[in-house]
Every structure is written in C-alpha cells, then in structure tokens.
PDB file of N, CA and C in Angstrom:
ATOM      1  N   MET A   1     -24.734  70.910 -11.557  1.00  0.00           N
ATOM      2  CA  MET A   1     -23.671  71.124 -11.178  1.00  0.00           C
ATOM      3  C   MET A   1     -23.765  71.599  -9.404  1.00  0.00           C
ATOM      4  N   ASN A   2     -24.229  72.493  -9.688  1.00  0.00           N
ATOM      5  CA  ASN A   2     -24.754  73.264  -8.030  1.00  0.00           C
ATOM      6  C   ASN A   2     -25.646  72.415  -7.313  1.00  0.00           C
ATOM      7  N   ARG A   3     -26.539  71.770  -7.648  1.00  0.00           N
ATOM      8  CA  ARG A   3     -27.364  70.631  -6.984  1.00  0.00           C
ATOM      9  C   ARG A   3     -26.439  69.461  -6.520  1.00  0.00           C
ATOM     10  N   PHE A   4     -25.727  68.679  -6.932  1.00  0.00           N
ATOM     11  CA  PHE A   4     -24.508  67.945  -6.988  1.00  0.00           C
ATOM     12  C   PHE A   4     -23.470  68.634  -6.033  1.00  0.00           C
ATOM     13  N   LEU A   5     -23.294  69.487  -5.932  1.00  0.00           N
ATOM     14  CA  LEU A   5     -22.148  70.272  -4.506  1.00  0.00           C
ATOM     15  C   LEU A   5     -23.307  70.370  -3.523  1.00  0.00           C
ATOM     16  N   SER A   6     -24.286  70.918  -3.526  1.00  0.00           N
ATOM     17  CA  SER A   6     -24.932  70.784  -2.099  1.00  0.00           C
ATOM     18  C   SER A   6     -25.426  68.987  -1.534  1.00  0.00           C
ATOM     19  N   VAL A   7     -25.606  68.105  -2.440  1.00  0.00           N
ATOM     20  CA  VAL A   7     -25.338  67.028  -2.007  1.00  0.00           C
ATOM     21  C   VAL A   7     -24.157  66.416  -1.606  1.00  0.00           C
ATOM     22  N   LEU A   8     -22.961  66.673  -2.412  1.00  0.00           N
ATOM     23  CA  LEU A   8     -22.292  66.199  -1.637  1.00  0.00           C
ATOM     24  C   LEU A   8     -21.787  66.810  -0.109  1.00  0.00           C
ATOM     25  N   PHE A   9     -22.041  68.193  -0.373  1.00  0.00           N
ATOM     26  CA  PHE A   9     -21.838  68.831   1.171  1.00  0.00           C
ATOM     27  C   PHE A   9     -22.792  68.147   2.223  1.00  0.00           C
ATOM     28  N   ALA A  10     -24.163  67.958   2.103  1.00  0.00           N
ATOM     29  CA  ALA A  10     -25.016  67.477   2.938  1.00  0.00           C
ATOM     30  C   ALA A  10     -24.109  66.103   3.546  1.00  0.00           C
ATOM     31  N   THR A  11     -24.116  64.999   2.230  1.00  0.00           N
ATOM     32  CA  THR A  11     -23.329  63.806   2.622  1.00  0.00           C
ATOM     33  C   THR A  11     -22.429  63.925   3.444  1.00  0.00           C
ATOM     34  N   LEU A  12     -21.236  64.549   3.303  1.00  0.00           N
ATOM     35  CA  LEU A  12     -20.081  65.208   4.058  1.00  0.00           C
ATOM     36  C   LEU A  12     -20.328  65.393   5.543  1.00  0.00           C
ATOM     37  N   VAL A  13     -21.391  66.202   5.897  1.00  0.00           N
ATOM     38  CA  VAL A  13     -21.713  66.678   6.939  1.00  0.00           C
ATOM     39  C   VAL A  13     -22.685  65.760   7.756  1.00  0.00           C
ATOM     40  N   VAL A  14     -23.738  64.793   7.036  1.00  0.00           N
ATOM     41  CA  VAL A  14     -24.048  63.968   8.030  1.00  0.00           C
ATOM     42  C   VAL A  14     -22.870  62.846   8.396  1.00  0.00           C
ATOM     43  N   MET A  15     -22.125  62.930   7.289  1.00  0.00           N
ATOM     44  CA  MET A  15     -20.691  61.654   7.674  1.00  0.00           C
ATOM     45  C   MET A  15     -20.177  62.171   8.804  1.00  0.00           C
ATOM     46  N   MET A  16     -20.075  63.596   9.024  1.00  0.00           N
ATOM     47  CA  MET A  16     -19.252  64.071   9.829  1.00  0.00           C
ATOM     48  C   MET A  16     -19.620  63.774  11.276  1.00  0.00           C
ATOM     49  N   ILE A  17     -21.028  64.096  11.407  1.00  0.00           N
ATOM     50  CA  ILE A  17     -21.789  64.003  12.621  1.00  0.00           C
ATOM     51  C   ILE A  17     -21.862  62.616  13.107  1.00  0.00           C
ATOM     52  N   ALA A  18     -22.127  61.796  12.094  1.00  0.00           N
ATOM     53  CA  ALA A  18     -21.860  59.988  12.329  1.00  0.00           C
ATOM     54  C   ALA A  18     -20.736  59.474  13.151  1.00  0.00           C
ATOM     55  N   THR A  19     -19.642  59.954  12.416  1.00  0.00           N
ATOM     56  CA  THR A  19     -18.715  60.033  12.889  1.00  0.00           C
ATOM     57  C   THR A  19     -18.203  60.417  14.291  1.00  0.00           C
ATOM     58  N   GLU A  20     -18.864  61.385  14.473  1.00  0.00           N
ATOM     59  CA  GLU A  20     -18.334  62.094  15.799  1.00  0.00           C
ATOM     60  C   GLU A  20     -19.386  61.166  16.779  1.00  0.00           C
ATOM     61  N   ALA A  21     -20.716  60.879  16.272  1.00  0.00           N
ATOM     62  CA  ALA A  21     -21.806  60.264  17.381  1.00  0.00           C
ATOM     63  C   ALA A  21     -20.718  58.776  17.824  1.00  0.00           C
ATOM     64  N   SER A  22     -20.087  58.150  16.981  1.00  0.00           N
ATOM     65  CA  SER A  22     -19.673  57.060  17.048  1.00  0.00           C
ATOM     66  C   SER A  22     -18.148  57.076  17.771  1.00  0.00           C
ATOM     67  N   ALA A  23     -17.657  57.718  17.617  1.00  0.00           N
ATOM     68  CA  ALA A  23     -16.616  58.586  18.639  1.00  0.00           C
ATOM     69  C   ALA A  23     -16.949  58.534  20.163  1.00  0.00           C
ATOM     70  N   GLN A  24     -18.045  59.283  20.163  1.00  0.00           N
ATOM     71  CA  GLN A  24     -18.374  59.477  21.669  1.00  0.00           C
ATOM     72  C   GLN A  24     -18.936  58.153  22.370  1.00  0.00           C
ATOM     73  N   GLU A  25     -19.496  57.424  21.516  1.00  0.00           N
ATOM     74  CA  GLU A  25     -19.922  55.819  22.078  1.00  0.00           C
ATOM     75  C   GLU A  25     -18.598  55.236  22.639  1.00  0.00           C
ATOM     76  N   ALA A  26     -18.007  54.990  21.443  1.00  0.00           N
ATOM     77  CA  ALA A  26     -16.346  54.585  21.679  1.00  0.00           C
ATOM     78  C   ALA A  26     -16.059  54.966  23.175  1.00  0.00           C
ATOM     79  N   ALA A  27     -15.775  56.274  23.288  1.00  0.00           N
ATOM     80  CA  ALA A  27     -14.991  56.911  24.548  1.00  0.00           C
ATOM     81  C   ALA A  27     -15.960  56.251  25.440  1.00  0.00           C
ATOM     82  N   ALA A  28     -17.397  56.256  25.317  1.00  0.00           N
ATOM     83  CA  ALA A  28     -18.304  55.674  26.444  1.00  0.00           C
ATOM     84  C   ALA A  28     -17.581  54.234  26.822  1.00  0.00           C
ATOM     85  N   ALA A  29     -17.325  53.353  25.991  1.00  0.00           N
ATOM     86  CA  ALA A  29     -17.458  52.367  26.346  1.00  0.00           C
ATOM     87  C   ALA A  29     -16.089  52.027  26.654  1.00  0.00           C
ATOM     88  N   VAL A  30     -15.298  52.739  26.522  1.00  0.00           N
ATOM     89  CA  VAL A  30     -13.633  53.145  27.225  1.00  0.00           C
ATOM     90  C   VAL A  30     -13.968  53.405  28.482  1.00  0.00           C
ATOM     91  N   ARG A  31     -14.684  54.166  28.789  1.00  0.00           N
ATOM     92  CA  ARG A  31     -14.676  54.971  30.351  1.00  0.00           C
ATOM     93  C   ARG A  31     -15.498  53.957  30.764  1.00  0.00           C
ATOM     94  N   GLU A  32     -16.424  53.029  30.143  1.00  0.00           N
ATOM     95  CA  GLU A  32     -17.219  51.659  31.526  1.00  0.00           C
ATOM     96  C   GLU A  32     -16.345  50.981  31.465  1.00  0.00           C
ATOM     97  N   SER A  33     -15.534  50.209  30.332  1.00  0.00           N
ATOM     98  CA  SER A  33     -13.934  49.502  30.533  1.00  0.00           C
ATOM     99  C   SER A  33     -13.324  49.833  31.609  1.00  0.00           C
ATOM    100  N   LEU A  34     -12.767  51.190  31.299  1.00  0.00           N
ATOM    101  CA  LEU A  34     -12.076  51.576  32.703  1.00  0.00           C
ATOM    102  C   LEU A  34     -12.015  51.391  33.948  1.00  0.00           C
ATOM    103  N   GLY A  35     -13.476  51.528  34.151  1.00  0.00           N
ATOM    104  CA  GLY A  35     -14.070  51.947  35.244  1.00  0.00           C
ATOM    105  C   GLY A  35     -14.238  50.483  36.295  1.00  0.00           C
ATOM    106  N   GLY A  36     -14.711  49.106  34.919  1.00  0.00           N
ATOM    107  CA  GLY A  36     -14.765  47.934  35.058  1.00  0.00           C
ATOM    108  C   GLY A  36     -13.451  47.405  35.577  1.00  0.00           C
ATOM    109  N   GLY A  37     -12.482  47.755  34.985  1.00  0.00           N
ATOM    110  CA  GLY A  37     -11.129  47.019  35.325  1.00  0.00           C
ATOM    111  C   GLY A  37     -10.787  47.541  36.568  1.00  0.00           C
ATOM    112  N   ILE A  38     -10.873  48.589  36.829  1.00  0.00           N
ATOM    113  CA  ILE A  38     -10.562  49.316  38.235  1.00  0.00           C
ATOM    114  C   ILE A  38     -11.365  48.840  39.257  1.00  0.00           C
ATOM    115  N   ALA A  39     -12.485  48.249  38.967  1.00  0.00           N
ATOM    116  CA  ALA A  39     -13.120  48.012  40.341  1.00  0.00           C
ATOM    117  C   ALA A  39     -12.887  46.391  40.380  1.00  0.00           C
ATOM    118  N   THR A  40     -12.338  45.889  39.356  1.00  0.00           N
ATOM    119  CA  THR A  40     -12.346  44.250  39.666  1.00  0.00           C
ATOM    120  C   THR A  40     -10.668  44.287  40.211  1.00  0.00           C
ATOM    121  N   GLY A  41     -10.087  45.011  39.814  1.00  0.00           N
ATOM    122  CA  GLY A  41      -8.564  45.158  40.443  1.00  0.00           C
ATOM    123  C   GLY A  41      -8.500  45.672  41.705  1.00  0.00           C
ATOM    124  N   LEU A  42      -9.311  46.601  42.179  1.00  0.00           N
ATOM    125  CA  LEU A  42      -9.134  47.022  43.607  1.00  0.00           C
ATOM    126  C   LEU A  42      -9.819  45.796  44.219  1.00  0.00           C
ATOM    127  N   ALA A  43     -10.657  45.082  44.006  1.00  0.00           N
ATOM    128  CA  ALA A  43     -11.494  44.266  44.474  1.00  0.00           C
ATOM    129  C   ALA A  43     -10.354  42.782  44.662  1.00  0.00           C
ATOM    130  N   VAL A  44      -9.942  42.611  43.996  1.00  0.00           N
ATOM    131  CA  VAL A  44      -8.468  41.715  43.871  1.00  0.00           C
ATOM    132  C   VAL A  44      -7.718  41.810  44.974  1.00  0.00           C
ATOM    133  N   ILE A  45      -7.429  43.264  44.947  1.00  0.00           N
ATOM    134  CA  ILE A  45      -6.343  43.696  45.722  1.00  0.00           C
ATOM    135  C   ILE A  45      -6.624  43.701  47.502  1.00  0.00           C
ATOM    136  N   GLY A  46      -7.629  44.226  47.279  1.00  0.00           N
ATOM    137  CA  GLY A  46      -8.130  44.064  48.786  1.00  0.00           C
ATOM    138  C   GLY A  46      -8.723  42.780  49.557  1.00  0.00           C
ATOM    139  N   ALA A  47      -9.217  41.811  48.399  1.00  0.00           N
ATOM    140  CA  ALA A  47      -9.249  40.414  49.058  1.00  0.00           C
ATOM    141  C   ALA A  47      -7.970  39.866  49.181  1.00  0.00           C
ATOM    142  N   GLY A  48      -6.802  39.991  48.315  1.00  0.00           N
ATOM    143  CA  GLY A  48      -5.635  39.872  48.853  1.00  0.00           C
ATOM    144  C   GLY A  48      -5.089  40.156  49.949  1.00  0.00           C
ATOM    145  N   ILE A  49      -4.933  41.459  50.638  1.00  0.00           N
ATOM    146  CA  ILE A  49      -4.695  42.232  51.488  1.00  0.00           C
ATOM    147  C   ILE A  49      -5.575  41.680  52.644  1.00  0.00           C
ATOM    148  N   GLY A  50      -6.797  41.371  52.966  1.00  0.00           N
ATOM    149  CA  GLY A  50      -7.617  40.951  53.658  1.00  0.00           C
ATOM    150  C   GLY A  50      -6.891  39.467  54.105  1.00  0.00           C
ATOM    151  N   ILE A  51      -6.922  38.487  53.203  1.00  0.00           N
ATOM    152  CA  ILE A  51      -6.800  37.240  53.613  1.00  0.00           C
ATOM    153  C   ILE A  51      -4.763  37.248  54.336  1.00  0.00           C
ATOM    154  N   GLY A  52      -4.059  38.101  53.603  1.00  0.00           N
ATOM    155  CA  GLY A  52      -3.144  37.919  54.026  1.00  0.00           C
ATOM    156  C   GLY A  52      -2.760  38.353  55.462  1.00  0.00           C
ATOM    157  N   TRP A  53      -3.521  39.799  56.048  1.00  0.00           N
ATOM    158  CA  TRP A  53      -3.806  39.841  57.294  1.00  0.00           C
ATOM    159  C   TRP A  53      -4.463  38.949  57.991  1.00  0.00           C
ATOM    160  N   ILE A  54      -5.306  38.120  57.452  1.00  0.00           N
ATOM    161  CA  ILE A  54      -5.935  37.431  58.622  1.00  0.00           C
ATOM    162  C   ILE A  54      -5.044  36.013  58.474  1.00  0.00           C
ATOM    163  N   GLY A  55      -4.061  35.819  57.591  1.00  0.00           N
ATOM    164  CA  GLY A  55      -2.840  34.671  57.925  1.00  0.00           C
ATOM    165  C   GLY A  55      -2.293  34.718  58.798  1.00  0.00           C
ATOM    166  N   SER A  56      -1.914  36.183  58.798  1.00  0.00           N
ATOM    167  CA  SER A  56      -0.414  36.505  59.759  1.00  0.00           C
ATOM    168  C   SER A  56      -1.065  36.418  61.034  1.00  0.00           C
ATOM    169  N   ARG A  57      -2.424  37.043  61.450  1.00  0.00           N
ATOM    170  CA  ARG A  57      -2.760  37.189  62.556  1.00  0.00           C
ATOM    171  C   ARG A  57      -3.294  35.993  63.073  1.00  0.00           C
ATOM    172  N   SER A  58      -3.976  35.012  62.696  1.00  0.00           N
ATOM    173  CA  SER A  58      -4.112  33.758  62.930  1.00  0.00           C
ATOM    174  C   SER A  58      -2.843  33.025  63.453  1.00  0.00           C
ATOM    175  N   ASN A  59      -1.581  33.064  62.617  1.00  0.00           N
ATOM    176  CA  ASN A  59      -0.548  32.462  62.835  1.00  0.00           C
ATOM    177  C   ASN A  59       0.071  33.324  64.453  1.00  0.00           C
ATOM    178  N   GLU A  60      -0.132  34.420  64.742  1.00  0.00           N
ATOM    179  CA  GLU A  60       0.083  34.887  65.793  1.00  0.00           C
ATOM    180  C   GLU A  60      -0.536  34.409  66.817  1.00  0.00           C
ATOM    181  N   SER A  61      -2.099  34.336  66.505  1.00  0.00           N
ATOM    182  CA  SER A  61      -2.778  33.797  67.591  1.00  0.00           C
ATOM    183  C   SER A  61      -2.311  32.521  68.008  1.00  0.00           C
ATOM    184  N   ILE A  62      -2.103  31.416  67.167  1.00  0.00           N
ATOM    185  CA  ILE A  62      -2.026  29.965  67.090  1.00  0.00           C
ATOM    186  C   ILE A  62      -0.469  29.849  67.809  1.00  0.00           C
ATOM    187  N   ALA A  63       0.179  31.044  67.583  1.00  0.00           N
ATOM    188  CA  ALA A  63       1.411  30.993  68.459  1.00  0.00           C
ATOM    189  C   ALA A  63       1.714  30.934  69.930  1.00  0.00           C
ATOM    190  N   ARG A  64       0.207  32.383  70.193  1.00  0.00           N
ATOM    191  CA  ARG A  64       0.212  32.357  71.776  1.00  0.00           C
ATOM    192  C   ARG A  64      -0.655  31.210  72.566  1.00  0.00           C
ATOM    193  N   GLN A  65      -1.546  30.713  71.581  1.00  0.00           N
ATOM    194  CA  GLN A  65      -2.010  29.934  72.161  1.00  0.00           C
ATOM    195  C   GLN A  65      -2.492  28.523  71.433  1.00  0.00           C
ATOM    196  N   PRO A  66      -1.472  27.670  71.601  1.00  0.00           N
ATOM    197  CA  PRO A  66      -1.086  26.688  70.601  1.00  0.00           C
ATOM    198  C   PRO A  66      -2.922  25.339  71.027  1.00  0.00           C
ATOM    199  N   GLU A  67      -3.019  25.759  72.051  1.00  0.00           N
ATOM    200  CA  GLU A  67      -4.161  24.782  72.346  1.00  0.00           C
ATOM    201  C   GLU A  67      -5.316  25.342  71.380  1.00  0.00           C
ATOM    202  N   MET A  68      -5.645  26.415  71.060  1.00  0.00           N
ATOM    203  CA  MET A  68      -6.747  27.096  70.075  1.00  0.00           C
ATOM    204  C   MET A  68      -6.838  26.949  68.716  1.00  0.00           C
ATOM    205  N   ALA A  69      -5.471  25.869  68.669  1.00  0.00           N
ATOM    206  CA  ALA A  69      -4.882  26.373  67.084  1.00  0.00           C
ATOM    207  C   ALA A  69      -6.273  25.538  65.952  1.00  0.00           C
ATOM    208  N   GLY A  70      -6.830  24.252  66.552  1.00  0.00           N
ATOM    209  CA  GLY A  70      -8.198  24.109  65.438  1.00  0.00           C
ATOM    210  C   GLY A  70      -9.302  25.089  65.470  1.00  0.00           C
ATOM    211  N   ARG A  71      -9.228  25.514  66.729  1.00  0.00           N
ATOM    212  CA  ARG A  71     -10.541  26.515  66.472  1.00  0.00           C
ATOM    213  C   ARG A  71     -10.192  27.875  65.538  1.00  0.00           C
ATOM    214  N   ILE A  72      -9.082  28.227  65.579  1.00  0.00           N
ATOM    215  CA  ILE A  72      -8.367  29.563  64.948  1.00  0.00           C
ATOM    216  C   ILE A  72      -8.273  28.989  63.824  1.00  0.00           C
ATOM    217  N   SER A  73      -8.263  28.238  63.132  1.00  0.00           N
ATOM    218  CA  SER A  73      -8.096  27.876  61.642  1.00  0.00           C
ATOM    219  C   SER A  73      -8.957  27.652  61.101  1.00  0.00           C
ATOM    220  N   THR A  74      -9.871  27.048  62.067  1.00  0.00           N
ATOM    221  CA  THR A  74     -11.333  27.047  61.284  1.00  0.00           C
ATOM    222  C   THR A  74     -12.251  28.365  60.894  1.00  0.00           C
ATOM    223  N   ASN A  75     -11.861  29.532  62.092  1.00  0.00           N
ATOM    224  CA  ASN A  75     -12.341  30.469  61.676  1.00  0.00           C
ATOM    225  C   ASN A  75     -11.475  31.367  60.435  1.00  0.00           C
ATOM    226  N   MET A  76     -10.228  31.086  60.613  1.00  0.00           N
ATOM    227  CA  MET A  76      -9.713  31.858  59.319  1.00  0.00           C
ATOM    228  C   MET A  76      -9.894  31.366  58.058  1.00  0.00           C
ATOM    229  N   ILE A  77     -10.024  30.109  57.815  1.00  0.00           N
ATOM    230  CA  ILE A  77     -10.440  29.487  56.585  1.00  0.00           C
ATOM    231  C   ILE A  77     -11.901  29.800  56.386  1.00  0.00           C
ATOM    232  N   LEU A  78     -12.711  29.573  57.503  1.00  0.00           N
ATOM    233  CA  LEU A  78     -14.294  30.167  57.081  1.00  0.00           C
ATOM    234  C   LEU A  78     -14.243  31.999  56.819  1.00  0.00           C
ATOM    235  N   THR A  79     -13.661  32.612  57.410  1.00  0.00           N
ATOM    236  CA  THR A  79     -13.624  33.881  56.996  1.00  0.00           C
ATOM    237  C   THR A  79     -12.995  34.359  55.708  1.00  0.00           C
ATOM    238  N   ALA A  80     -11.388  33.542  55.320  1.00  0.00           N
ATOM    239  CA  ALA A  80     -11.000  33.638  54.112  1.00  0.00           C
ATOM    240  C   ALA A  80     -12.357  33.270  52.699  1.00  0.00           C
ATOM    241  N   ALA A  81     -12.628  32.074  53.414  1.00  0.00           N
ATOM    242  CA  ALA A  81     -13.482  31.697  52.071  1.00  0.00           C
ATOM    243  C   ALA A  81     -14.532  32.985  51.806  1.00  0.00           C
ATOM    244  N   LEU A  82     -15.261  33.520  52.906  1.00  0.00           N
ATOM    245  CA  LEU A  82     -16.221  34.771  52.696  1.00  0.00           C
ATOM    246  C   LEU A  82     -15.645  35.670  52.233  1.00  0.00           C
ATOM    247  N   ILE A  83     -14.430  36.201  52.243  1.00  0.00           N
ATOM    248  CA  ILE A  83     -13.635  37.147  51.565  1.00  0.00           C
ATOM    249  C   ILE A  83     -13.452  37.156  49.993  1.00  0.00           C
ATOM    250  N   GLU A  84     -12.991  35.652  49.713  1.00  0.00           N
ATOM    251  CA  GLU A  84     -13.284  35.275  48.175  1.00  0.00           C
ATOM    252  C   GLU A  84     -14.346  35.379  47.552  1.00  0.00           C
ATOM    253  N   GLY A  85     -15.441  35.134  48.648  1.00  0.00           N
ATOM    254  CA  GLY A  85     -16.721  35.254  47.655  1.00  0.00           C
ATOM    255  C   GLY A  85     -17.054  36.615  47.287  1.00  0.00           C
ATOM    256  N   VAL A  86     -16.828  37.215  48.211  1.00  0.00           N
ATOM    257  CA  VAL A  86     -17.039  38.856  47.741  1.00  0.00           C
ATOM    258  C   VAL A  86     -16.335  39.199  46.915  1.00  0.00           C
ATOM    259  N   ALA A  87     -14.855  39.127  46.720  1.00  0.00           N
ATOM    260  CA  ALA A  87     -13.911  39.301  45.649  1.00  0.00           C
ATOM    261  C   ALA A  87     -14.665  38.438  44.237  1.00  0.00           C
ATOM    262  N   LEU A  88     -15.121  37.398  44.887  1.00  0.00           N
ATOM    263  CA  LEU A  88     -15.282  36.966  43.175  1.00  0.00           C
ATOM    264  C   LEU A  88     -16.595  37.609  42.822  1.00  0.00           C
ATOM    265  N   PHE A  89     -17.645  37.858  43.515  1.00  0.00           N
ATOM    266  CA  PHE A  89     -18.689  38.459  43.042  1.00  0.00           C
ATOM    267  C   PHE A  89     -18.243  39.982  42.397  1.00  0.00           C
ATOM    268  N   ALA A  90     -17.408  40.671  43.354  1.00  0.00           N
ATOM    269  CA  ALA A  90     -16.773  42.205  42.459  1.00  0.00           C
ATOM    270  C   ALA A  90     -16.073  42.014  41.467  1.00  0.00           C
ATOM    271  N   VAL A  91     -15.698  40.953  41.067  1.00  0.00           N
ATOM    272  CA  VAL A  91     -14.601  40.191  39.762  1.00  0.00           C
ATOM    273  C   VAL A  91     -15.691  40.288  39.049  1.00  0.00           C
ATOM    274  N   VAL A  92     -17.030  39.399  38.984  1.00  0.00           N
ATOM    275  CA  VAL A  92     -17.871  39.169  38.316  1.00  0.00           C
ATOM    276  C   VAL A  92     -18.504  40.220  37.725  1.00  0.00           C
ATOM    277  N   VAL A  93     -19.213  41.346  38.939  1.00  0.00           N
ATOM    278  CA  VAL A  93     -19.747  42.252  38.262  1.00  0.00           C
ATOM    279  C   VAL A  93     -19.118  43.180  37.781  1.00  0.00           C
ATOM    280  N   GLY A  94     -17.605  43.764  37.874  1.00  0.00           N
ATOM    281  CA  GLY A  94     -16.669  44.181  37.009  1.00  0.00           C
ATOM    282  C   GLY A  94     -16.557  43.713  35.749  1.00  0.00           C
ATOM    283  N   GLY A  95     -16.873  42.392  35.277  1.00  0.00           N
ATOM    284  CA  GLY A  95     -16.663  41.713  34.069  1.00  0.00           C
ATOM    285  C   GLY A  95     -17.955  42.053  33.241  1.00  0.00           C
ATOM    286  N   PHE A  96     -18.963  41.958  33.771  1.00  0.00           N
ATOM    287  CA  PHE A  96     -20.144  42.834  33.049  1.00  0.00           C
ATOM    288  C   PHE A  96     -20.027  43.928  32.884  1.00  0.00           C
ATOM    289  N   ILE A  97     -19.722  44.712  33.866  1.00  0.00           N
ATOM    290  CA  ILE A  97     -19.214  46.531  33.105  1.00  0.00           C
ATOM    291  C   ILE A  97     -18.427  46.435  32.301  1.00  0.00           C
ATOM    292  N   ILE A  98     -17.595  45.452  32.119  1.00  0.00           N
ATOM    293  CA  ILE A  98     -16.017  45.409  30.778  1.00  0.00           C
ATOM    294  C   ILE A  98     -17.010  44.894  29.497  1.00  0.00           C
ATOM    295  N   GLY A  99     -17.791  43.992  30.049  1.00  0.00           N
ATOM    296  CA  GLY A  99     -18.346  42.996  28.757  1.00  0.00           C
ATOM    297  C   GLY A  99     -19.662  43.704  28.165  1.00  0.00           C
TER     298      GLY A  99
END
C-alpha cells in the first residue's frame, strides 16, 4: 500500500509539472499572437493615415496648381502604392508571428 501511494504521488507531481509547462507554453503563444496582432493593426492604421494624408495634400496641391494635376496624381498614386506595399509586408510578417 505504501508503494502504491508513492507511485500515485509521483504521478500527480509529474502531471502538475507537465500542466504548468503546458500553461507556460500556451501563455507564450498568446503573447506572441498578441504582439503579432498589435503589429499588424498598427501597420494598417499607419498606412491608412499615410494614404489619407497623401490624398488630402495632393488635392490641395491640385487646387493650387491645376496645370500640374497629372504629375501630382502620378506621384500620389506611386507613393500610395509604396505605402500599401510596406503595409502588406507588415501584415504578412505579423501573420507569421500569429501563426
């Protein structure tokens, strides 16, 4: 009977240690997911603000110099595409952190 209790106690201790280790791994996974989600969200918010700012400033520029509308629009589209490329890269990297 004494041996049975010793084996039972040892088994319970091992199970508690394994559960604690699993909980720590799960907590680490949640922290990584949270970090990736925050990084992705900030990238998208920053891209939205940047593209909005470019759009408003280009409209002001076109209103001031209508003869330069074609050149301003081309530069605006090029800059917006670059910002979207960086934002897409950040979303992909954030997705790998989450996954």
